[in-house]
Amino acid sequence: MRRITLWLLSTVAVLVLLFSYKTSTMGPGGESSAVATGSDGSAGNSWTGTDAGSTGSGPVSGSSSGDGTATGSVAQTRWGPVQVQITVSGGRITDVRAVRVPDGNRRDQEINDYAVPILRQEALAAQSAQIDTVSGATVTSDGYRESLQSAIDAAHLK
């Protein structure tokens, strides 16, 4: 009888500790970062550059082989916002830069310091948003892919 009581109390104590453990899902204080919005209040993407056969800036229809930059929309993830900007030259992605990544705590920064360069290289190699997820940075990888695809769409690349 004494063993059963001791085992039951130990099990209850472990379960209480397990369920009371809080993980960091937001930045300090539990707030999320502000979202970049367009003039109409919506978070969107943008293209700045020239398109083949035209000059100026702004979105164009059809396929683009121009030079410029495209900023993807802000992908809201459970750890914070992710936003990517691409540089296009000759119809190819020549650079990818993470404009925003989750940075609410030191662990977020460690993960992104590791994952973002890998995601950048994957995007440059693939020339698309069809890139592998970085192990340990699944949420950031998903947000990165979403914003990258938005930037590619804004630049009218295939």
C-alpha atoms as a PDB file:
ATOM      1  CA  MET A   1       0.000   0.000   0.000  1.00  0.00           C
ATOM      2  CA  ARG A   2       2.822   2.363   0.829  1.00  0.00           C
ATOM      3  CA  ARG A   3       4.524   1.786  -2.550  1.00  0.00           C
ATOM      4  CA  ILE A   4       1.319   2.508  -4.431  1.00  0.00           C
ATOM      5  CA  THR A   5       0.803   5.773  -2.562  1.00  0.00           C
ATOM      6  CA  LEU A   6       4.407   6.856  -3.184  1.00  0.00           C
ATOM      7  CA  TRP A   7       4.156   5.930  -6.879  1.00  0.00           C
ATOM      8  CA  LEU A   8       0.850   7.801  -7.261  1.00  0.00           C
ATOM      9  CA  LEU A   9       2.184  10.968  -5.587  1.00  0.00           C
ATOM     10  CA  SER A  10       5.345  10.854  -7.728  1.00  0.00           C
ATOM     11  CA  THR A  11       3.298  10.483 -10.890  1.00  0.00           C
ATOM     12  CA  VAL A  12       1.036  13.391  -9.956  1.00  0.00           C
ATOM     13  CA  ALA A  13       4.068  15.589  -9.147  1.00  0.00           C
ATOM     14  CA  VAL A  14       5.703  14.806 -12.493  1.00  0.00           C
ATOM     15  CA  LEU A  15       2.472  15.519 -14.382  1.00  0.00           C
ATOM     16  CA  VAL A  16       1.995  18.844 -12.575  1.00  0.00           C
ATOM     17  CA  LEU A  17       5.552  19.875 -13.428  1.00  0.00           C
ATOM     18  CA  LEU A  18       5.154  18.758 -17.031  1.00  0.00           C
ATOM     19  CA  PHE A  19       1.920  20.658 -17.632  1.00  0.00           C
ATOM     20  CA  SER A  20       3.102  23.795 -15.851  1.00  0.00           C
ATOM     21  CA  TYR A  21       6.211  24.141 -18.056  1.00  0.00           C
ATOM     22  CA  LYS A  22       5.846  27.249 -20.212  1.00  0.00           C
ATOM     23  CA  THR A  23       7.617  27.556 -23.535  1.00  0.00           C
ATOM     24  CA  SER A  24       8.438  30.879 -25.168  1.00  0.00           C
ATOM     25  CA  THR A  25       5.952  31.422 -27.968  1.00  0.00           C
ATOM     26  CA  MET A  26       6.293  35.179 -28.301  1.00  0.00           C
ATOM     27  CA  GLY A  27       8.761  37.903 -27.599  1.00  0.00           C
ATOM     28  CA  PRO A  28       9.325  39.350 -24.155  1.00  0.00           C
ATOM     29  CA  GLY A  29       6.048  40.293 -22.540  1.00  0.00           C
ATOM     30  CA  GLY A  30       4.046  38.068 -24.908  1.00  0.00           C
ATOM     31  CA  GLU A  31       3.486  40.706 -27.555  1.00  0.00           C
ATOM     32  CA  SER A  32       4.151  40.175 -31.227  1.00  0.00           C
ATOM     33  CA  SER A  33       6.039  42.559 -33.466  1.00  0.00           C
ATOM     34  CA  ALA A  34       4.261  45.076 -35.660  1.00  0.00           C
ATOM     35  CA  VAL A  35       3.384  44.121 -39.220  1.00  0.00           C
ATOM     36  CA  ALA A  36       4.591  46.122 -42.188  1.00  0.00           C
ATOM     37  CA  THR A  37       1.563  47.269 -44.118  1.00  0.00           C
ATOM     38  CA  GLY A  38       0.931  48.870 -47.431  1.00  0.00           C
ATOM     39  CA  SER A  39      -0.960  52.109 -47.991  1.00  0.00           C
ATOM     40  CA  ASP A  40      -4.250  50.225 -47.929  1.00  0.00           C
ATOM     41  CA  GLY A  41      -3.438  48.697 -44.532  1.00  0.00           C
ATOM     42  CA  SER A  42      -2.723  45.226 -45.866  1.00  0.00           C
ATOM     43  CA  ALA A  43       0.572  43.406 -45.541  1.00  0.00           C
ATOM     44  CA  GLY A  44       1.740  42.868 -49.081  1.00  0.00           C
ATOM     45  CA  ASN A  45       4.626  42.496 -51.433  1.00  0.00           C
ATOM     46  CA  SER A  46       6.325  45.041 -53.646  1.00  0.00           C
ATOM     47  CA  TRP A  47       8.517  45.202 -56.735  1.00  0.00           C
ATOM     48  CA  THR A  48      10.942  48.020 -57.413  1.00  0.00           C
ATOM     49  CA  GLY A  49      12.950  47.877 -60.588  1.00  0.00           C
ATOM     50  CA  THR A  50      12.808  47.860 -64.336  1.00  0.00           C
ATOM     51  CA  ASP A  51      11.295  45.248 -66.555  1.00  0.00           C
ATOM     52  CA  ALA A  52      12.551  44.132 -69.916  1.00  0.00           C
ATOM     53  CA  GLY A  53      11.419  46.607 -72.526  1.00  0.00           C
ATOM     54  CA  SER A  54      10.179  49.199 -70.027  1.00  0.00           C
ATOM     55  CA  THR A  55      11.479  51.661 -67.514  1.00  0.00           C
ATOM     56  CA  GLY A  56      10.188  52.813 -64.173  1.00  0.00           C
ATOM     57  CA  SER A  57       8.941  50.859 -61.237  1.00  0.00           C
ATOM     58  CA  GLY A  58       5.849  49.051 -60.147  1.00  0.00           C
ATOM     59  CA  PRO A  59       4.134  45.750 -60.758  1.00  0.00           C
ATOM     60  CA  VAL A  60       3.900  44.472 -64.290  1.00  0.00           C
ATOM     61  CA  SER A  61       1.970  41.695 -65.931  1.00  0.00           C
ATOM     62  CA  GLY A  62       3.546  38.729 -67.592  1.00  0.00           C
ATOM     63  CA  SER A  63       7.016  37.349 -67.098  1.00  0.00           C
ATOM     64  CA  SER A  64       9.709  39.738 -65.951  1.00  0.00           C
ATOM     65  CA  SER A  65      13.350  39.551 -66.859  1.00  0.00           C
ATOM     66  CA  GLY A  66      14.147  42.966 -65.432  1.00  0.00           C
ATOM     67  CA  ASP A  67      16.432  44.030 -62.648  1.00  0.00           C
ATOM     68  CA  GLY A  68      15.381  45.207 -59.219  1.00  0.00           C
ATOM     69  CA  THR A  69      14.251  44.128 -55.793  1.00  0.00           C
ATOM     70  CA  ALA A  70      11.065  42.514 -54.605  1.00  0.00           C
ATOM     71  CA  THR A  71       9.958  42.364 -50.988  1.00  0.00           C
ATOM     72  CA  GLY A  72       7.681  39.536 -49.995  1.00  0.00           C
ATOM     73  CA  SER A  73       4.699  39.901 -47.724  1.00  0.00           C
ATOM     74  CA  VAL A  74       5.144  39.424 -43.990  1.00  0.00           C
ATOM     75  CA  ALA A  75       4.530  35.800 -43.035  1.00  0.00           C
ATOM     76  CA  GLN A  76       3.129  35.693 -39.507  1.00  0.00           C
ATOM     77  CA  THR A  77       4.452  32.625 -37.701  1.00  0.00           C
ATOM     78  CA  ARG A  78       3.820  31.548 -34.134  1.00  0.00           C
ATOM     79  CA  TRP A  79       7.332  32.731 -33.197  1.00  0.00           C
ATOM     80  CA  GLY A  80       7.035  36.094 -34.977  1.00  0.00           C
ATOM     81  CA  PRO A  81       7.033  37.696 -38.428  1.00  0.00           C
ATOM     82  CA  VAL A  82       9.251  36.582 -41.305  1.00  0.00           C
ATOM     83  CA  GLN A  83       9.839  38.719 -44.395  1.00  0.00           C
ATOM     84  CA  VAL A  84      12.210  38.199 -47.311  1.00  0.00           C
ATOM     85  CA  GLN A  85      13.548  40.534 -50.004  1.00  0.00           C
ATOM     86  CA  ILE A  86      15.042  39.281 -53.263  1.00  0.00           C
ATOM     87  CA  THR A  87      17.297  40.997 -55.774  1.00  0.00           C
ATOM     88  CA  VAL A  88      16.683  40.094 -59.401  1.00  0.00           C
ATOM     89  CA  SER A  89      19.122  40.568 -62.249  1.00  0.00           C
ATOM     90  CA  GLY A  90      18.554  39.246 -65.744  1.00  0.00           C
ATOM     91  CA  GLY A  91      15.462  37.344 -64.643  1.00  0.00           C
ATOM     92  CA  ARG A  92      17.399  35.399 -61.971  1.00  0.00           C
ATOM     93  CA  ILE A  93      17.457  35.732 -58.209  1.00  0.00           C
ATOM     94  CA  THR A  94      20.925  37.041 -57.371  1.00  0.00           C
ATOM     95  CA  ASP A  95      20.442  37.749 -53.668  1.00  0.00           C
ATOM     96  CA  VAL A  96      18.001  36.897 -50.906  1.00  0.00           C
ATOM     97  CA  ARG A  97      17.889  38.888 -47.694  1.00  0.00           C
ATOM     98  CA  ALA A  98      15.806  38.205 -44.609  1.00  0.00           C
ATOM     99  CA  VAL A  99      14.267  41.568 -43.738  1.00  0.00           C
ATOM    100  CA  ARG A 100      12.489  40.278 -40.629  1.00  0.00           C
ATOM    101  CA  VAL A 101      12.886  37.122 -38.589  1.00  0.00           C
ATOM    102  CA  PRO A 102      11.662  36.207 -35.109  1.00  0.00           C
ATOM    103  CA  ASP A 103      13.988  37.741 -32.536  1.00  0.00           C
ATOM    104  CA  GLY A 104      12.001  37.812 -29.325  1.00  0.00           C
ATOM    105  CA  ASN A 105      14.606  35.953 -27.305  1.00  0.00           C
ATOM    106  CA  ARG A 106      18.131  34.600 -27.478  1.00  0.00           C
ATOM    107  CA  ARG A 107      16.984  31.153 -28.660  1.00  0.00           C
ATOM    108  CA  ASP A 108      15.162  32.705 -31.644  1.00  0.00           C
ATOM    109  CA  GLN A 109      18.330  34.580 -32.540  1.00  0.00           C
ATOM    110  CA  GLU A 110      20.454  31.422 -32.280  1.00  0.00           C
ATOM    111  CA  ILE A 111      18.071  29.462 -34.481  1.00  0.00           C
ATOM    112  CA  ASN A 112      17.897  32.201 -37.118  1.00  0.00           C
ATOM    113  CA  ASP A 113      21.655  32.824 -37.096  1.00  0.00           C
ATOM    114  CA  TYR A 114      21.972  29.175 -38.073  1.00  0.00           C
ATOM    115  CA  ALA A 115      18.929  28.737 -40.341  1.00  0.00           C
ATOM    116  CA  VAL A 116      18.714  31.957 -42.392  1.00  0.00           C
ATOM    117  CA  PRO A 117      22.058  31.524 -44.229  1.00  0.00           C
ATOM    118  CA  ILE A 118      21.073  27.949 -45.122  1.00  0.00           C
ATOM    119  CA  LEU A 119      17.657  29.071 -46.379  1.00  0.00           C
ATOM    120  CA  ARG A 120      19.332  31.841 -48.416  1.00  0.00           C
ATOM    121  CA  GLN A 121      21.697  29.393 -50.119  1.00  0.00           C
ATOM    122  CA  GLU A 122      18.848  26.968 -50.806  1.00  0.00           C
ATOM    123  CA  ALA A 123      16.772  29.745 -52.394  1.00  0.00           C
ATOM    124  CA  LEU A 124      19.648  30.937 -54.577  1.00  0.00           C
ATOM    125  CA  ALA A 125      20.393  27.390 -55.712  1.00  0.00           C
ATOM    126  CA  ALA A 126      16.744  26.495 -56.379  1.00  0.00           C
ATOM    127  CA  GLN A 127      15.780  29.878 -57.902  1.00  0.00           C
ATOM    128  CA  SER A 128      12.365  29.247 -56.381  1.00  0.00           C
ATOM    129  CA  ALA A 129      10.588  28.916 -53.057  1.00  0.00           C
ATOM    130  CA  GLN A 130      10.698  25.129 -53.244  1.00  0.00           C
ATOM    131  CA  ILE A 131      13.444  24.742 -50.653  1.00  0.00           C
ATOM    132  CA  ASP A 132      14.031  22.286 -47.857  1.00  0.00           C
ATOM    133  CA  THR A 133      13.090  22.985 -44.265  1.00  0.00           C
ATOM    134  CA  VAL A 134      16.024  23.558 -41.933  1.00  0.00           C
ATOM    135  CA  SER A 135      15.931  21.048 -39.089  1.00  0.00           C
ATOM    136  CA  GLY A 136      15.211  22.810 -35.821  1.00  0.00           C
ATOM    137  CA  ALA A 137      13.817  25.878 -37.597  1.00  0.00           C
ATOM    138  CA  THR A 138      10.636  24.499 -39.121  1.00  0.00           C
ATOM    139  CA  VAL A 139       8.427  27.479 -38.314  1.00  0.00           C
ATOM    140  CA  THR A 140      10.969  30.010 -39.590  1.00  0.00           C
ATOM    141  CA  SER A 141      11.552  27.889 -42.710  1.00  0.00           C
ATOM    142  CA  ASP A 142       7.824  27.826 -43.461  1.00  0.00           C
ATOM    143  CA  GLY A 143       7.534  31.597 -43.040  1.00  0.00           C
ATOM    144  CA  TYR A 144      10.671  32.148 -45.132  1.00  0.00           C
ATOM    145  CA  ARG A 145       9.238  30.032 -47.964  1.00  0.00           C
ATOM    146  CA  GLU A 146       5.893  31.862 -47.824  1.00  0.00           C
ATOM    147  CA  SER A 147       7.487  35.322 -47.969  1.00  0.00           C
ATOM    148  CA  LEU A 148       9.985  34.185 -50.615  1.00  0.00           C
ATOM    149  CA  GLN A 149       7.164  32.959 -52.847  1.00  0.00           C
ATOM    150  CA  SER A 150       5.397  36.274 -52.381  1.00  0.00           C
ATOM    151  CA  ALA A 151       8.558  38.154 -53.431  1.00  0.00           C
ATOM    152  CA  ILE A 152       9.003  35.887 -56.463  1.00  0.00           C
ATOM    153  CA  ASP A 153       5.389  36.544 -57.431  1.00  0.00           C
ATOM    154  CA  ALA A 154       5.907  40.305 -57.051  1.00  0.00           C
ATOM    155  CA  ALA A 155       8.928  40.115 -59.356  1.00  0.00           C
ATOM    156  CA  HIS A 156       6.881  38.054 -61.833  1.00  0.00           C
ATOM    157  CA  LEU A 157       9.446  35.265 -61.938  1.00  0.00           C
ATOM    158  CA  LYS A 158       8.466  31.696 -62.733  1.00  0.00           C
END
